[in-house]
Amino acid sequence: MKKTTRRLLALAMAGTLLIAGCSKRSTDRESSREDRVSEHNEAVLEAPMELSAGAYSFSEGADYEMSAGDDFAGANANTTTTDSPVVAAPEPAVSDRMLIRTVTLSCETLRFDELTSGIEAQVSELGGYIENKSMNGTGNNNDLRTVSYVIRVSSDSLDSLINTIGGSAVITSSNESTEDVTLSYADTEARIESLRIEQETLNNLLAEADDLDIILQLQNELTYVRYEIESYESQLRVLENLSSYSTLTLTVTEVLEETEPEEPHIKTYSEKISESFHDGIDRAKTAFQDLGLYLAENLIPIAVFLVIAIAVIIFVSVKVKKFKKKKTAKIAEAKKETKPSTTENEEK
């Protein structure tokens, strides 16, 4: 009876403490967890945690797991004690780092169809895929085409694809960036491990609980912990995908004349004058060509307008001439009528 009473009292005390902690965390759960993580990181920076040999094992793909039989409490003895302890993972070697590589290329080509079909075929051969593709232009009547790709290929195959594109087209611009997510991946794994330990503790308390309020609180906590575990596991999958498959953003432009790459050098004054002179000639040619195209496109309307204008001019000139003749005839008749009257007056 005494043992049973002691067990019931201990369970009631544990349940009371758990309810108080759960209600406090429910008010601002997310901010509290972030604060704990930041405090833990500061503690690690100020006093690095000493891990016993074999406490963690680093496997391929930056996968940290606790070895069988290791004592989590002993491994975490030098860290700050919290409701959800964060397991610090050792920094991996350089060769095992997880890198997210992103490359952006723009190129010009005279053989648009041949190049684009070759790129798509090689992407398929390398085991990659085209995440997005968009095209503008028809390729007819100097309506030059432009296609944009977002290509995902394995990190080991990206250089091969870039070399193929560079050998078949003229690269006009390029940009490359690399992001190291090794520590982020390891930290996320450590958070998952801590949450699983918290989940196991809550399951043990739930198995021993017999009070309905305590059971409901424990179930709510387990639901939230499971949600956090799934969220962090999703982040791990995203990081694994981004690091294993590099991203190539490619823009292919169809041209009538490929741009010849020039070696960088300082232009002299004579070269600048020659370049300006040739630019002026090119602009004049372009202006005359545009004028010719405009006249060709509007030849019929211009011809109709000219015919109408000439007809109007002829009609107006004929009318003016007739009017002038009538006016002249009237003036002549008026003069003839006035002459006899003047002679009669003179005779008188």
Protein backbone atom coordinates (compact mmCIF):
# COMPACT_ATOMS: atom_id res chain seq x y z
CA MET A 1 0.00 0.00 0.00
CA LYS A 2 2.83 2.40 0.82
CA LYS A 3 4.58 1.64 -2.45
CA THR A 4 1.36 2.10 -4.39
CA THR A 5 0.67 5.37 -2.60
CA ARG A 6 4.17 6.63 -3.32
CA ARG A 7 3.85 5.74 -7.00
CA LEU A 8 0.50 7.53 -7.26
CA LEU A 9 1.91 10.61 -5.54
CA ALA A 10 4.98 10.64 -7.80
CA LEU A 11 2.75 10.25 -10.90
CA ALA A 12 0.46 13.04 -9.71
CA MET A 13 3.42 15.35 -9.10
CA ALA A 14 4.89 14.54 -12.51
CA GLY A 15 1.52 15.17 -14.15
CA THR A 16 1.13 18.51 -12.34
CA LEU A 17 4.58 19.65 -13.41
CA LEU A 18 3.93 18.51 -16.99
CA ILE A 19 0.59 20.35 -17.17
CA ALA A 20 2.24 23.54 -15.89
CA GLY A 21 5.04 23.23 -18.42
CA CYS A 22 2.65 22.42 -21.28
CA SER A 23 0.37 25.39 -20.54
CA LYS A 24 3.35 27.71 -20.37
CA ARG A 25 4.78 26.49 -23.64
CA SER A 26 1.44 26.61 -25.48
CA THR A 27 1.28 30.43 -25.10
CA ASP A 28 4.35 31.03 -27.24
CA ARG A 29 5.69 27.64 -28.31
CA GLU A 30 7.55 28.65 -31.42
CA SER A 31 9.41 31.62 -29.93
CA SER A 32 10.37 29.58 -26.89
CA ARG A 33 11.86 26.83 -29.02
CA GLU A 34 13.84 29.31 -31.12
CA ASP A 35 15.17 30.97 -27.97
CA ARG A 36 16.33 27.64 -26.64
CA VAL A 37 18.10 26.83 -29.89
CA SER A 38 19.87 30.21 -29.97
CA GLU A 39 20.91 29.81 -26.32
CA HIS A 40 22.25 26.36 -27.12
CA ASN A 41 24.23 27.63 -30.10
CA GLU A 42 25.75 30.42 -28.00
CA ALA A 43 26.69 27.90 -25.32
CA VAL A 44 28.34 25.67 -27.92
CA LEU A 45 30.33 28.62 -29.30
CA GLU A 46 31.50 29.72 -25.84
CA ALA A 47 32.24 26.25 -24.47
CA PRO A 48 32.43 23.53 -27.16
CA MET A 49 30.86 20.27 -26.11
CA GLU A 50 33.25 17.36 -25.64
CA LEU A 51 31.89 14.25 -27.29
CA SER A 52 33.15 10.87 -26.27
CA ALA A 53 34.64 8.70 -28.97
CA GLY A 54 31.96 6.81 -30.83
CA ALA A 55 29.12 8.96 -29.53
CA TYR A 56 28.23 9.92 -33.09
CA SER A 57 29.02 8.31 -36.38
CA PHE A 58 29.15 10.32 -39.62
CA SER A 59 27.91 8.33 -42.59
CA GLU A 60 27.79 9.16 -46.28
CA GLY A 61 25.45 12.06 -47.13
CA ALA A 62 26.11 13.93 -43.86
CA ASP A 63 23.89 11.52 -41.90
CA TYR A 64 24.50 11.69 -38.14
CA GLU A 65 23.11 8.91 -35.96
CA MET A 66 23.64 7.92 -32.34
CA SER A 67 25.55 4.70 -31.96
CA ALA A 68 23.83 1.79 -30.25
CA GLY A 69 24.28 1.78 -26.50
CA ASP A 70 25.42 5.41 -26.25
CA ASP A 71 24.08 7.42 -23.35
CA PHE A 72 22.37 10.59 -24.60
CA ALA A 73 22.48 12.21 -21.17
CA GLY A 74 26.23 11.64 -20.98
CA ALA A 75 26.81 12.99 -24.46
CA ASN A 76 24.76 16.07 -23.63
CA ALA A 77 26.22 16.63 -20.19
CA ASN A 78 27.97 19.91 -21.08
CA THR A 79 24.95 21.53 -22.76
CA THR A 80 22.22 23.63 -21.19
CA THR A 81 19.35 21.50 -19.93
CA THR A 82 16.03 22.35 -21.67
CA ASP A 83 12.65 20.73 -22.29
CA SER A 84 13.78 19.73 -25.78
CA PRO A 85 17.58 19.20 -25.74
CA VAL A 86 19.41 19.94 -28.99
CA VAL A 87 22.07 17.40 -29.96
CA ALA A 88 25.16 19.11 -31.39
CA ALA A 89 26.72 17.27 -34.33
CA PRO A 90 30.45 17.36 -35.19
CA GLU A 91 31.51 19.29 -38.26
CA PRO A 92 32.08 16.89 -41.18
CA ALA A 93 35.16 16.64 -43.34
CA VAL A 94 35.53 18.83 -46.43
CA SER A 95 35.03 15.89 -48.80
CA ASP A 96 31.67 15.07 -47.19
CA ARG A 97 30.17 18.55 -47.38
CA MET A 98 26.73 19.10 -48.91
CA LEU A 99 26.96 21.81 -51.56
CA ILE A 100 24.10 23.40 -53.51
CA ARG A 101 25.47 24.48 -56.88
CA THR A 102 23.57 26.87 -59.16
CA VAL A 103 24.77 27.94 -62.64
CA THR A 104 23.23 30.53 -64.99
CA LEU A 105 24.23 30.60 -68.68
CA SER A 106 23.23 32.61 -71.75
CA CYS A 107 24.35 31.58 -75.23
CA GLU A 108 23.83 32.34 -78.94
CA THR A 109 23.61 29.87 -81.80
CA LEU A 110 22.97 29.67 -85.54
CA ARG A 111 21.70 26.07 -85.25
CA PHE A 112 18.87 26.58 -82.79
CA ASP A 113 16.94 23.35 -83.41
CA GLU A 114 20.05 21.20 -83.38
CA LEU A 115 21.36 22.71 -80.14
CA THR A 116 18.09 22.57 -78.18
CA SER A 117 17.33 18.99 -79.19
CA GLY A 118 20.90 17.98 -78.28
CA ILE A 119 20.63 19.63 -74.84
CA GLU A 120 17.32 17.92 -74.06
CA ALA A 121 18.69 14.54 -75.18
CA GLN A 122 21.84 14.89 -73.07
CA VAL A 123 19.85 15.91 -70.00
CA SER A 124 17.80 12.73 -70.37
CA GLU A 125 20.94 10.63 -70.82
CA LEU A 126 22.51 12.10 -67.68
CA GLY A 127 19.47 11.13 -65.63
CA GLY A 128 18.34 14.72 -65.11
CA TYR A 129 15.12 16.47 -65.97
CA ILE A 130 13.86 19.81 -67.27
CA GLU A 131 12.04 21.60 -64.46
CA ASN A 132 10.81 24.48 -66.61
CA LYS A 133 10.91 25.47 -70.30
CA SER A 134 9.59 28.57 -72.09
CA MET A 135 10.04 29.69 -75.72
CA ASN A 136 9.42 32.91 -77.64
CA GLY A 137 9.48 33.46 -81.41
CA THR A 138 8.54 31.37 -84.43
CA GLY A 139 11.79 31.21 -86.39
CA ASN A 140 10.03 32.44 -89.56
CA ASN A 141 10.50 35.80 -91.33
CA ASN A 142 13.41 36.76 -89.08
CA ASP A 143 11.28 36.18 -85.98
CA LEU A 144 14.24 34.75 -84.05
CA ARG A 145 13.55 32.31 -81.24
CA THR A 146 14.61 32.34 -77.59
CA VAL A 147 14.20 29.42 -75.19
CA SER A 148 14.79 29.39 -71.43
CA TYR A 149 15.45 26.20 -69.44
CA VAL A 150 15.62 25.37 -65.75
CA ILE A 151 17.53 22.07 -65.79
CA ARG A 152 18.21 19.74 -62.84
CA VAL A 153 21.08 17.28 -63.25
CA SER A 154 23.31 15.43 -60.82
CA SER A 155 26.20 17.47 -59.46
CA ASP A 156 28.75 15.14 -61.11
CA SER A 157 27.15 15.59 -64.55
CA LEU A 158 26.72 19.37 -64.56
CA ASP A 159 30.23 20.15 -65.85
CA SER A 160 29.80 17.70 -68.73
CA LEU A 161 26.57 19.41 -69.81
CA ILE A 162 28.14 22.88 -69.56
CA ASN A 163 31.12 21.80 -71.67
CA THR A 164 28.80 20.43 -74.35
CA ILE A 165 26.85 23.69 -74.51
CA GLY A 166 30.07 25.74 -74.65
CA GLY A 167 31.36 23.64 -77.54
CA SER A 168 28.15 24.02 -79.58
CA ALA A 169 27.27 27.68 -78.95
CA VAL A 170 28.81 31.01 -78.03
CA ILE A 171 28.51 31.71 -74.30
CA THR A 172 27.59 35.37 -73.83
CA SER A 173 27.22 35.41 -70.03
CA SER A 174 27.67 33.00 -67.13
CA ASN A 175 27.26 33.02 -63.38
CA GLU A 176 27.85 30.33 -60.75
CA SER A 177 27.15 30.17 -57.02
CA THR A 178 27.71 27.47 -54.41
CA GLU A 179 26.04 27.25 -50.99
CA ASP A 180 27.35 25.00 -48.22
CA VAL A 181 24.41 23.51 -46.27
CA THR A 182 26.36 20.84 -44.38
CA LEU A 183 26.02 22.46 -40.96
CA SER A 184 22.37 23.29 -41.57
CA TYR A 185 21.71 19.65 -42.50
CA ALA A 186 23.55 18.37 -39.41
CA ASP A 187 21.76 20.84 -37.14
CA THR A 188 18.38 19.79 -38.54
CA GLU A 189 19.23 16.12 -37.93
CA ALA A 190 20.22 16.94 -34.35
CA ARG A 191 16.90 18.71 -33.80
CA ILE A 192 15.05 15.65 -35.11
CA GLU A 193 17.01 13.38 -32.76
CA SER A 194 16.17 15.63 -29.80
CA LEU A 195 12.49 15.66 -30.74
CA ARG A 196 12.44 11.88 -31.00
CA ILE A 197 13.88 11.62 -27.49
CA GLU A 198 11.19 14.02 -26.29
CA GLN A 199 8.59 11.94 -28.13
CA GLU A 200 9.78 8.76 -26.41
CA THR A 201 9.61 10.45 -23.01
CA LEU A 202 6.07 11.65 -23.66
CA ASN A 203 5.04 8.16 -24.78
CA ASN A 204 6.39 6.68 -21.56
CA LEU A 205 4.47 9.22 -19.48
CA LEU A 206 1.34 8.58 -21.52
CA ALA A 207 1.59 4.86 -20.89
CA GLU A 208 1.66 5.41 -17.12
CA ALA A 209 -0.91 8.24 -16.95
CA ASP A 210 -4.44 7.48 -15.77
CA ASP A 211 -5.84 11.02 -15.38
CA LEU A 212 -7.88 12.26 -18.36
CA ASP A 213 -6.53 15.83 -18.25
CA ILE A 214 -2.95 14.59 -18.16
CA ILE A 215 -3.63 12.19 -21.05
CA LEU A 216 -5.09 15.02 -23.18
CA GLN A 217 -2.13 17.29 -22.46
CA LEU A 218 0.33 14.52 -23.34
CA GLN A 219 -1.49 13.74 -26.56
CA ASN A 220 -1.42 17.42 -27.57
CA GLU A 221 2.31 17.54 -26.89
CA LEU A 222 2.87 14.35 -28.90
CA THR A 223 0.90 15.79 -31.83
CA TYR A 224 3.03 18.93 -31.88
CA VAL A 225 6.28 16.97 -31.56
CA ARG A 226 5.28 14.69 -34.46
CA TYR A 227 4.47 17.76 -36.56
CA GLU A 228 7.88 19.26 -35.83
CA ILE A 229 9.63 15.99 -36.70
CA GLU A 230 7.82 15.79 -40.04
CA SER A 231 8.62 19.44 -40.78
CA TYR A 232 12.33 18.98 -40.12
CA GLU A 233 12.40 15.73 -42.12
CA SER A 234 10.86 17.63 -45.05
CA GLN A 235 13.64 20.21 -44.77
CA LEU A 236 16.21 17.41 -44.88
CA ARG A 237 14.66 15.99 -48.05
CA VAL A 238 14.75 19.42 -49.70
CA LEU A 239 18.43 19.89 -48.81
CA GLU A 240 19.26 16.41 -50.06
CA ASN A 241 17.52 17.08 -53.37
CA LEU A 242 19.18 20.46 -53.88
CA SER A 243 22.64 19.13 -53.06
CA SER A 244 22.39 15.96 -55.13
CA TYR A 245 20.85 17.73 -58.18
CA SER A 246 22.46 20.98 -59.31
CA THR A 247 20.42 23.68 -61.05
CA LEU A 248 21.29 25.08 -64.48
CA THR A 249 19.33 28.10 -65.73
CA LEU A 250 20.02 28.28 -69.48
CA THR A 251 18.91 30.83 -72.08
CA VAL A 252 19.47 29.97 -75.77
CA THR A 253 19.04 32.77 -78.34
CA GLU A 254 18.81 32.20 -82.09
CA VAL A 255 20.94 34.67 -84.10
CA LEU A 256 21.82 35.27 -87.74
CA GLU A 257 25.46 35.93 -86.88
CA GLU A 258 27.24 34.65 -83.82
CA THR A 259 29.11 37.13 -81.66
CA GLU A 260 32.83 36.48 -81.79
CA PRO A 261 34.40 36.58 -78.33
CA GLU A 262 37.20 39.14 -78.02
CA GLU A 263 40.19 39.08 -75.76
CA PRO A 264 40.02 41.88 -73.18
CA HIS A 265 42.37 44.78 -73.93
CA ILE A 266 42.55 48.56 -73.65
CA LYS A 267 41.29 50.21 -76.85
CA THR A 268 43.45 52.90 -78.44
CA TYR A 269 42.11 56.20 -79.72
CA SER A 270 42.36 55.08 -83.36
CA GLU A 271 40.44 51.90 -82.55
CA LYS A 272 37.70 53.95 -80.89
CA ILE A 273 37.44 56.23 -83.96
CA SER A 274 37.32 53.24 -86.30
CA GLU A 275 34.69 51.54 -84.16
CA SER A 276 32.56 54.72 -84.03
CA PHE A 277 32.86 55.16 -87.83
CA HIS A 278 31.74 51.58 -88.45
CA ASP A 279 28.90 52.00 -85.98
CA GLY A 280 27.72 55.08 -87.88
CA ILE A 281 27.78 53.17 -91.17
CA ASP A 282 25.85 50.32 -89.60
CA ARG A 283 23.23 52.71 -88.21
CA ALA A 284 22.87 54.39 -91.63
CA LYS A 285 22.42 51.00 -93.31
CA THR A 286 19.86 50.05 -90.72
CA ALA A 287 17.97 53.34 -91.23
CA PHE A 288 17.84 52.88 -95.03
CA GLN A 289 16.80 49.26 -94.62
CA ASP A 290 14.03 50.27 -92.24
CA LEU A 291 12.90 52.96 -94.73
CA GLY A 292 12.86 50.41 -97.54
CA LEU A 293 10.84 48.00 -95.43
CA TYR A 294 8.41 50.76 -94.53
CA LEU A 295 7.94 51.72 -98.18
CA ALA A 296 7.52 48.08 -99.20
CA GLU A 297 4.89 47.49 -96.54
CA ASN A 298 2.98 50.71 -97.35
CA LEU A 299 3.51 50.90 -101.13
CA ILE A 300 -0.13 50.35 -102.10
CA PRO A 301 -1.56 52.90 -99.63
CA ILE A 302 1.06 55.45 -100.72
CA ALA A 303 0.26 54.84 -104.44
CA VAL A 304 -3.48 55.24 -103.84
CA PHE A 305 -2.86 58.43 -101.90
CA LEU A 306 -0.67 59.83 -104.70
CA VAL A 307 -3.27 59.02 -107.39
CA ILE A 308 -6.01 60.72 -105.40
CA ALA A 309 -3.78 63.74 -104.71
CA ILE A 310 -2.85 64.10 -108.41
CA ALA A 311 -6.52 63.81 -109.45
CA VAL A 312 -7.50 66.48 -106.92
CA ILE A 313 -4.73 68.78 -108.13
CA ILE A 314 -5.74 68.34 -111.79
CA PHE A 315 -9.41 68.92 -111.00
CA VAL A 316 -8.66 72.06 -109.01
CA SER A 317 -6.33 73.43 -111.71
CA VAL A 318 -8.96 72.87 -114.43
CA LYS A 319 -11.59 74.62 -112.37
CA VAL A 320 -9.24 77.52 -111.71
CA LYS A 321 -8.45 77.88 -115.41
CA LYS A 322 -12.14 77.86 -116.36
CA PHE A 323 -12.88 80.44 -113.70
CA LYS A 324 -10.09 82.66 -114.96
CA LYS A 325 -11.37 82.38 -118.57
CA LYS A 326 -14.91 83.34 -117.55
CA LYS A 327 -13.62 86.25 -115.55
CA THR A 328 -11.48 87.44 -118.45
CA ALA A 329 -14.44 87.16 -120.86
CA LYS A 330 -16.68 89.19 -118.55
CA ILE A 331 -14.03 91.91 -118.25
CA ALA A 332 -13.69 92.05 -122.05
CA GLU A 333 -17.46 92.34 -122.57
CA ALA A 334 -17.68 95.09 -119.97
CA LYS A 335 -14.99 97.04 -121.80
CA LYS A 336 -16.79 96.68 -125.13
CA GLU A 337 -20.00 98.04 -123.63
CA THR A 338 -18.29 101.08 -122.14
CA LYS A 339 -16.46 102.10 -125.37
CA PRO A 340 -19.55 103.26 -127.48
CA SER A 341 -20.90 105.40 -124.67
CA THR A 342 -17.60 107.26 -124.38
CA THR A 343 -17.45 107.96 -128.16
CA GLU A 344 -20.99 109.36 -128.20
CA ASN A 345 -20.15 111.74 -125.39
CA GLU A 346 -17.10 112.97 -127.30
CA GLU A 347 -19.16 113.72 -130.47
CA LYS A 348 -21.63 115.76 -128.52
